């Protein structure tokens, strides 16, 4: 199955082969605790829930302005998968790679400051 990876260090969203197994999600994101950002009725972006507790690179932030406006930003990688009714990762996402690329905005440090100031 495939998943979509938001890779802020490469400033890109890519497709990769993946399982919906939690341990594999931890490995892909480089973390031990995840949280989910719901982006459609069935799709979520799984993110490192402790990313802000780690050393932060000002170039690792991204946002979803079409969905959440300009007041929310996340740091680190994000893995897009579908979820079941309990919110657990389940299957490959229904959202397409191209749709996801249109939703994600990678923030430079100056843009990040504007998010924090407002």
N, C-alpha and C. Protein backbone atom coordinates (compact mmCIF):
# COMPACT_ATOMS: atom_id res chain seq x y z
N UNK A 1 0.84 -1.17 0.00
CA UNK A 1 0.00 0.00 0.00
C UNK A 1 0.89 1.23 0.00
N UNK A 2 0.32 2.35 -0.39
CA UNK A 2 1.11 3.58 -0.39
C UNK A 2 0.61 4.54 0.68
N UNK A 3 1.48 5.49 1.01
CA UNK A 3 1.16 6.58 1.92
C UNK A 3 1.80 7.83 1.33
N UNK A 4 1.46 8.97 1.89
CA UNK A 4 2.05 10.23 1.45
C UNK A 4 2.87 10.79 2.61
N UNK A 5 4.09 11.20 2.31
CA UNK A 5 4.98 11.73 3.33
C UNK A 5 5.22 13.21 3.09
N UNK A 6 4.86 14.03 4.07
CA UNK A 6 5.19 15.45 4.04
C UNK A 6 6.62 15.55 4.58
N UNK A 7 7.53 16.00 3.74
CA UNK A 7 8.94 16.03 4.10
C UNK A 7 9.42 17.48 4.09
N UNK A 8 9.35 18.19 5.22
CA UNK A 8 9.67 19.61 5.23
C UNK A 8 11.14 19.92 4.94
N UNK A 9 12.02 18.99 5.21
CA UNK A 9 13.44 19.23 4.96
C UNK A 9 13.74 19.21 3.47
N UNK A 10 12.97 18.45 2.71
CA UNK A 10 13.09 18.42 1.24
C UNK A 10 12.11 19.39 0.59
N UNK A 11 11.21 19.98 1.40
CA UNK A 11 10.16 20.88 0.90
C UNK A 11 9.32 20.19 -0.17
N UNK A 12 8.87 18.98 0.15
CA UNK A 12 8.14 18.20 -0.83
C UNK A 12 7.18 17.23 -0.14
N UNK A 13 6.19 16.80 -0.89
CA UNK A 13 5.30 15.71 -0.47
C UNK A 13 5.57 14.58 -1.44
N UNK A 14 5.87 13.40 -0.91
CA UNK A 14 6.21 12.27 -1.76
C UNK A 14 5.33 11.06 -1.44
N UNK A 15 5.24 10.17 -2.39
CA UNK A 15 4.52 8.92 -2.19
C UNK A 15 5.54 7.84 -1.85
N UNK A 16 5.19 6.97 -0.90
CA UNK A 16 6.07 5.88 -0.54
C UNK A 16 5.25 4.66 -0.17
N UNK A 17 5.89 3.52 -0.23
CA UNK A 17 5.22 2.29 0.19
C UNK A 17 5.26 2.26 1.71
N UNK A 18 4.12 1.88 2.31
CA UNK A 18 4.04 1.91 3.76
C UNK A 18 2.93 0.99 4.24
N UNK A 19 3.03 0.60 5.49
CA UNK A 19 1.96 -0.15 6.15
C UNK A 19 1.23 0.82 7.06
N UNK A 20 0.14 0.42 7.60
CA UNK A 20 -0.57 1.25 8.58
C UNK A 20 -0.28 0.77 9.99
N UNK A 21 0.85 0.09 10.16
CA UNK A 21 1.25 -0.43 11.47
C UNK A 21 1.92 0.69 12.26
N UNK A 22 1.49 0.86 13.49
CA UNK A 22 1.96 1.97 14.32
C UNK A 22 3.49 2.00 14.44
N UNK A 23 4.11 0.85 14.64
CA UNK A 23 5.58 0.81 14.76
C UNK A 23 6.26 1.34 13.50
N UNK A 24 5.70 1.05 12.33
CA UNK A 24 6.27 1.57 11.08
C UNK A 24 6.07 3.08 10.97
N UNK A 25 4.96 3.57 11.48
CA UNK A 25 4.73 5.02 11.49
C UNK A 25 5.77 5.70 12.38
N UNK A 26 6.00 5.14 13.57
CA UNK A 26 7.03 5.68 14.46
C UNK A 26 8.38 5.73 13.75
N UNK A 27 8.73 4.65 13.08
CA UNK A 27 10.01 4.57 12.40
C UNK A 27 10.12 5.62 11.28
N UNK A 28 9.08 5.76 10.48
CA UNK A 28 9.09 6.72 9.38
C UNK A 28 9.21 8.15 9.89
N UNK A 29 8.51 8.46 10.97
CA UNK A 29 8.53 9.81 11.51
C UNK A 29 9.68 10.06 12.47
N UNK A 30 10.35 9.00 12.92
CA UNK A 30 11.45 9.14 13.87
C UNK A 30 10.98 9.56 15.24
N UNK A 31 9.90 8.92 15.73
CA UNK A 31 9.33 9.32 17.01
C UNK A 31 8.74 8.10 17.74
N UNK A 32 8.21 8.37 18.93
CA UNK A 32 7.58 7.30 19.71
C UNK A 32 6.15 7.63 20.12
N UNK A 33 5.70 8.85 19.82
CA UNK A 33 4.33 9.27 20.13
C UNK A 33 3.80 10.03 18.93
N UNK A 34 2.60 9.65 18.46
CA UNK A 34 2.02 10.36 17.31
C UNK A 34 0.67 10.98 17.68
N UNK A 35 0.31 11.97 16.89
CA UNK A 35 -1.00 12.59 16.97
C UNK A 35 -1.51 12.66 15.55
N UNK A 36 -2.81 12.88 15.37
CA UNK A 36 -3.38 12.90 14.03
C UNK A 36 -4.07 14.23 13.77
N UNK A 37 -3.82 14.76 12.58
CA UNK A 37 -4.51 15.94 12.08
C UNK A 37 -5.51 15.42 11.06
N UNK A 38 -6.78 15.60 11.31
CA UNK A 38 -7.80 15.11 10.38
C UNK A 38 -7.94 16.09 9.22
N UNK A 39 -7.79 15.58 8.00
CA UNK A 39 -7.84 16.46 6.83
C UNK A 39 -9.03 16.18 5.92
N UNK A 40 -9.58 14.99 6.00
CA UNK A 40 -10.81 14.66 5.28
C UNK A 40 -11.63 13.77 6.21
N UNK A 41 -12.77 13.35 5.73
CA UNK A 41 -13.61 12.48 6.55
C UNK A 41 -12.89 11.18 6.92
N UNK A 42 -11.97 10.73 6.06
CA UNK A 42 -11.30 9.45 6.32
C UNK A 42 -9.78 9.54 6.42
N UNK A 43 -9.18 10.63 5.99
CA UNK A 43 -7.72 10.74 5.96
C UNK A 43 -7.19 11.61 7.09
N UNK A 44 -6.01 11.23 7.58
CA UNK A 44 -5.33 11.99 8.63
C UNK A 44 -3.85 12.09 8.30
N UNK A 45 -3.23 13.12 8.87
CA UNK A 45 -1.78 13.25 8.82
C UNK A 45 -1.28 12.87 10.21
N UNK A 46 -0.48 11.84 10.29
CA UNK A 46 0.10 11.42 11.56
C UNK A 46 1.42 12.17 11.73
N UNK A 47 1.56 12.83 12.89
CA UNK A 47 2.74 13.66 13.15
C UNK A 47 3.38 13.26 14.48
N UNK A 48 4.64 13.65 14.65
CA UNK A 48 5.36 13.44 15.90
C UNK A 48 4.76 14.37 16.94
N UNK A 49 4.12 13.81 17.95
CA UNK A 49 3.43 14.61 18.96
C UNK A 49 4.41 15.34 19.88
N UNK A 50 5.67 14.94 19.87
CA UNK A 50 6.66 15.59 20.73
C UNK A 50 7.69 16.38 19.92
N UNK A 51 7.37 16.72 18.68
CA UNK A 51 8.32 17.39 17.80
C UNK A 51 8.81 18.72 18.37
N UNK A 52 7.94 19.45 19.06
CA UNK A 52 8.35 20.75 19.59
C UNK A 52 9.25 20.62 20.82
N UNK A 53 9.40 19.41 21.35
CA UNK A 53 10.30 19.19 22.48
C UNK A 53 11.72 18.86 22.02
N UNK A 54 11.91 18.72 20.72
CA UNK A 54 13.21 18.38 20.13
C UNK A 54 13.85 19.66 19.58
N UNK A 55 15.17 19.59 19.32
CA UNK A 55 15.79 20.76 18.68
C UNK A 55 15.04 21.09 17.38
N UNK A 56 14.72 22.36 17.21
CA UNK A 56 13.87 22.77 16.08
C UNK A 56 14.70 23.46 15.02
N UNK A 57 14.49 23.04 13.80
CA UNK A 57 15.07 23.69 12.63
C UNK A 57 14.00 24.64 12.09
N UNK A 58 14.33 25.90 11.94
CA UNK A 58 13.36 26.88 11.47
C UNK A 58 12.82 26.59 10.09
N UNK A 59 13.45 25.67 9.37
CA UNK A 59 13.00 25.32 8.02
C UNK A 59 12.17 24.04 8.00
N UNK A 60 11.76 23.56 9.17
CA UNK A 60 11.03 22.29 9.21
C UNK A 60 9.53 22.47 9.44
N UNK A 61 9.04 23.69 9.35
CA UNK A 61 7.63 23.95 9.61
C UNK A 61 6.80 23.97 8.33
N UNK A 62 5.55 23.55 8.48
CA UNK A 62 4.61 23.53 7.36
C UNK A 62 3.22 23.80 7.90
N UNK A 63 2.34 24.16 6.99
CA UNK A 63 0.96 24.47 7.39
C UNK A 63 -0.02 23.95 6.34
N UNK A 64 -1.28 24.03 6.70
CA UNK A 64 -2.37 23.64 5.81
C UNK A 64 -3.35 24.82 5.75
N UNK A 65 -2.94 25.95 5.14
CA UNK A 65 -3.76 27.17 5.22
C UNK A 65 -5.16 27.04 4.65
N UNK A 66 -5.35 26.20 3.65
CA UNK A 66 -6.69 26.05 3.07
C UNK A 66 -7.64 25.35 4.03
N UNK A 67 -7.09 24.55 4.93
CA UNK A 67 -7.93 23.81 5.89
C UNK A 67 -7.98 24.46 7.27
N UNK A 68 -6.86 25.01 7.72
CA UNK A 68 -6.75 25.50 9.08
C UNK A 68 -6.38 26.98 9.18
N UNK A 69 -6.38 27.70 8.08
CA UNK A 69 -6.03 29.11 8.12
C UNK A 69 -4.54 29.30 8.38
N UNK A 70 -4.18 30.50 8.76
CA UNK A 70 -2.77 30.82 8.96
C UNK A 70 -2.37 30.88 10.42
N UNK A 71 -3.10 30.22 11.26
CA UNK A 71 -2.79 30.24 12.69
C UNK A 71 -2.23 28.92 13.20
N UNK A 72 -2.13 27.93 12.33
CA UNK A 72 -1.63 26.61 12.74
C UNK A 72 -0.44 26.22 11.89
N UNK A 73 0.62 25.76 12.54
CA UNK A 73 1.80 25.25 11.84
C UNK A 73 2.31 24.04 12.60
N UNK A 74 2.90 23.13 11.89
CA UNK A 74 3.46 21.92 12.48
C UNK A 74 4.91 21.81 12.06
N UNK A 75 5.69 21.04 12.82
CA UNK A 75 7.09 20.83 12.50
C UNK A 75 7.38 19.35 12.35
N UNK A 76 8.36 19.04 11.54
CA UNK A 76 8.74 17.65 11.29
C UNK A 76 7.91 17.01 10.20
N UNK A 77 8.19 15.75 9.98
CA UNK A 77 7.50 15.01 8.92
C UNK A 77 6.06 14.70 9.30
N UNK A 78 5.24 14.48 8.27
CA UNK A 78 3.86 14.05 8.47
C UNK A 78 3.55 12.90 7.52
N UNK A 79 2.85 11.90 7.99
CA UNK A 79 2.51 10.73 7.18
C UNK A 79 1.01 10.66 7.00
N UNK A 80 0.57 10.70 5.74
CA UNK A 80 -0.86 10.72 5.43
C UNK A 80 -1.35 9.30 5.15
N UNK A 81 -2.33 8.87 5.95
CA UNK A 81 -2.97 7.56 5.81
C UNK A 81 -4.47 7.74 6.09
N UNK A 82 -5.26 6.76 5.70
CA UNK A 82 -6.67 6.80 6.11
C UNK A 82 -6.75 6.25 7.53
N UNK A 83 -7.88 6.48 8.18
CA UNK A 83 -8.05 6.02 9.55
C UNK A 83 -9.38 5.29 9.69
N UNK A 84 -9.48 4.48 10.73
CA UNK A 84 -10.74 3.79 10.99
C UNK A 84 -11.62 4.68 11.87
N UNK A 85 -12.75 4.16 12.29
CA UNK A 85 -13.70 4.96 13.09
C UNK A 85 -13.15 5.37 14.44
N UNK A 86 -12.14 4.65 14.94
CA UNK A 86 -11.55 5.01 16.23
C UNK A 86 -10.43 6.02 16.08
N UNK A 87 -10.04 6.31 14.83
CA UNK A 87 -8.94 7.25 14.58
C UNK A 87 -7.61 6.57 14.35
N UNK A 88 -7.58 5.24 14.44
CA UNK A 88 -6.33 4.50 14.25
C UNK A 88 -5.99 4.42 12.76
N UNK A 89 -4.68 4.41 12.42
CA UNK A 89 -4.31 4.27 11.02
C UNK A 89 -4.84 2.97 10.44
N UNK A 90 -5.32 3.03 9.19
CA UNK A 90 -5.98 1.86 8.63
C UNK A 90 -5.47 1.45 7.26
N UNK A 91 -5.37 2.38 6.32
CA UNK A 91 -5.16 2.02 4.92
C UNK A 91 -4.51 3.18 4.19
N UNK A 92 -4.32 3.00 2.88
CA UNK A 92 -3.75 4.10 2.12
C UNK A 92 -4.74 5.25 2.02
N UNK A 93 -4.23 6.47 1.90
CA UNK A 93 -5.14 7.63 1.89
C UNK A 93 -5.96 7.70 0.61
N UNK A 94 -7.09 8.33 0.72
CA UNK A 94 -7.93 8.58 -0.46
C UNK A 94 -7.50 9.86 -1.16
N UNK A 95 -6.95 10.80 -0.40
CA UNK A 95 -6.47 12.04 -1.00
C UNK A 95 -5.27 11.71 -1.90
N UNK A 96 -5.17 12.39 -3.02
CA UNK A 96 -4.10 12.09 -3.97
C UNK A 96 -2.83 12.88 -3.64
N UNK A 97 -1.74 12.44 -4.22
CA UNK A 97 -0.47 13.14 -4.06
C UNK A 97 -0.60 14.58 -4.52
N UNK A 98 -1.20 14.80 -5.67
CA UNK A 98 -1.34 16.15 -6.20
C UNK A 98 -2.22 17.02 -5.30
N UNK A 99 -3.30 16.46 -4.78
CA UNK A 99 -4.17 17.22 -3.87
C UNK A 99 -3.41 17.61 -2.60
N UNK A 100 -2.61 16.68 -2.09
CA UNK A 100 -1.85 16.96 -0.87
C UNK A 100 -0.80 18.02 -1.13
N UNK A 101 -0.15 17.96 -2.27
CA UNK A 101 0.85 18.98 -2.61
C UNK A 101 0.21 20.37 -2.67
N UNK A 102 -1.02 20.44 -3.11
CA UNK A 102 -1.72 21.72 -3.17
C UNK A 102 -2.11 22.23 -1.78
N UNK A 103 -2.31 21.35 -0.83
CA UNK A 103 -2.73 21.74 0.52
C UNK A 103 -1.58 22.19 1.42
N UNK A 104 -0.41 21.58 1.25
CA UNK A 104 0.71 21.83 2.16
C UNK A 104 1.48 23.08 1.72
N UNK A 105 1.77 23.92 2.70
CA UNK A 105 2.62 25.09 2.46
C UNK A 105 3.83 24.97 3.39
N UNK A 106 5.02 24.94 2.82
CA UNK A 106 6.25 24.88 3.60
C UNK A 106 6.63 26.31 3.98
N UNK A 107 6.91 26.51 5.24
CA UNK A 107 7.15 27.86 5.76
C UNK A 107 8.64 28.14 5.90
N UNK A 108 9.06 29.32 5.47
CA UNK A 108 10.42 29.75 5.76
C UNK A 108 10.39 30.45 7.12
N UNK A 109 11.55 30.70 7.74
CA UNK A 109 11.56 31.28 9.09
C UNK A 109 10.79 32.60 9.20
N UNK A 110 10.84 33.46 8.19
CA UNK A 110 10.10 34.73 8.26
C UNK A 110 8.59 34.50 8.27
N UNK A 111 8.13 33.56 7.46
CA UNK A 111 6.69 33.24 7.46
C UNK A 111 6.27 32.66 8.80
N UNK A 112 7.12 31.85 9.38
CA UNK A 112 6.82 31.25 10.67
C UNK A 112 6.62 32.33 11.73
N UNK A 113 7.46 33.36 11.71
CA UNK A 113 7.31 34.45 12.65
C UNK A 113 5.96 35.14 12.51
N UNK A 114 5.48 35.30 11.28
CA UNK A 114 4.17 35.92 11.09
C UNK A 114 3.05 35.05 11.66
N UNK A 115 3.24 33.73 11.63
CA UNK A 115 2.25 32.83 12.24
C UNK A 115 2.24 33.04 13.76
N UNK A 116 3.41 33.24 14.33
CA UNK A 116 3.51 33.37 15.77
C UNK A 116 3.08 34.73 16.28
N UNK A 117 3.26 35.76 15.48
CA UNK A 117 2.93 37.12 15.91
C UNK A 117 1.43 37.38 15.97
N UNK A 118 0.67 36.81 15.07
CA UNK A 118 -0.78 37.11 15.01
C UNK A 118 -1.56 36.50 16.12
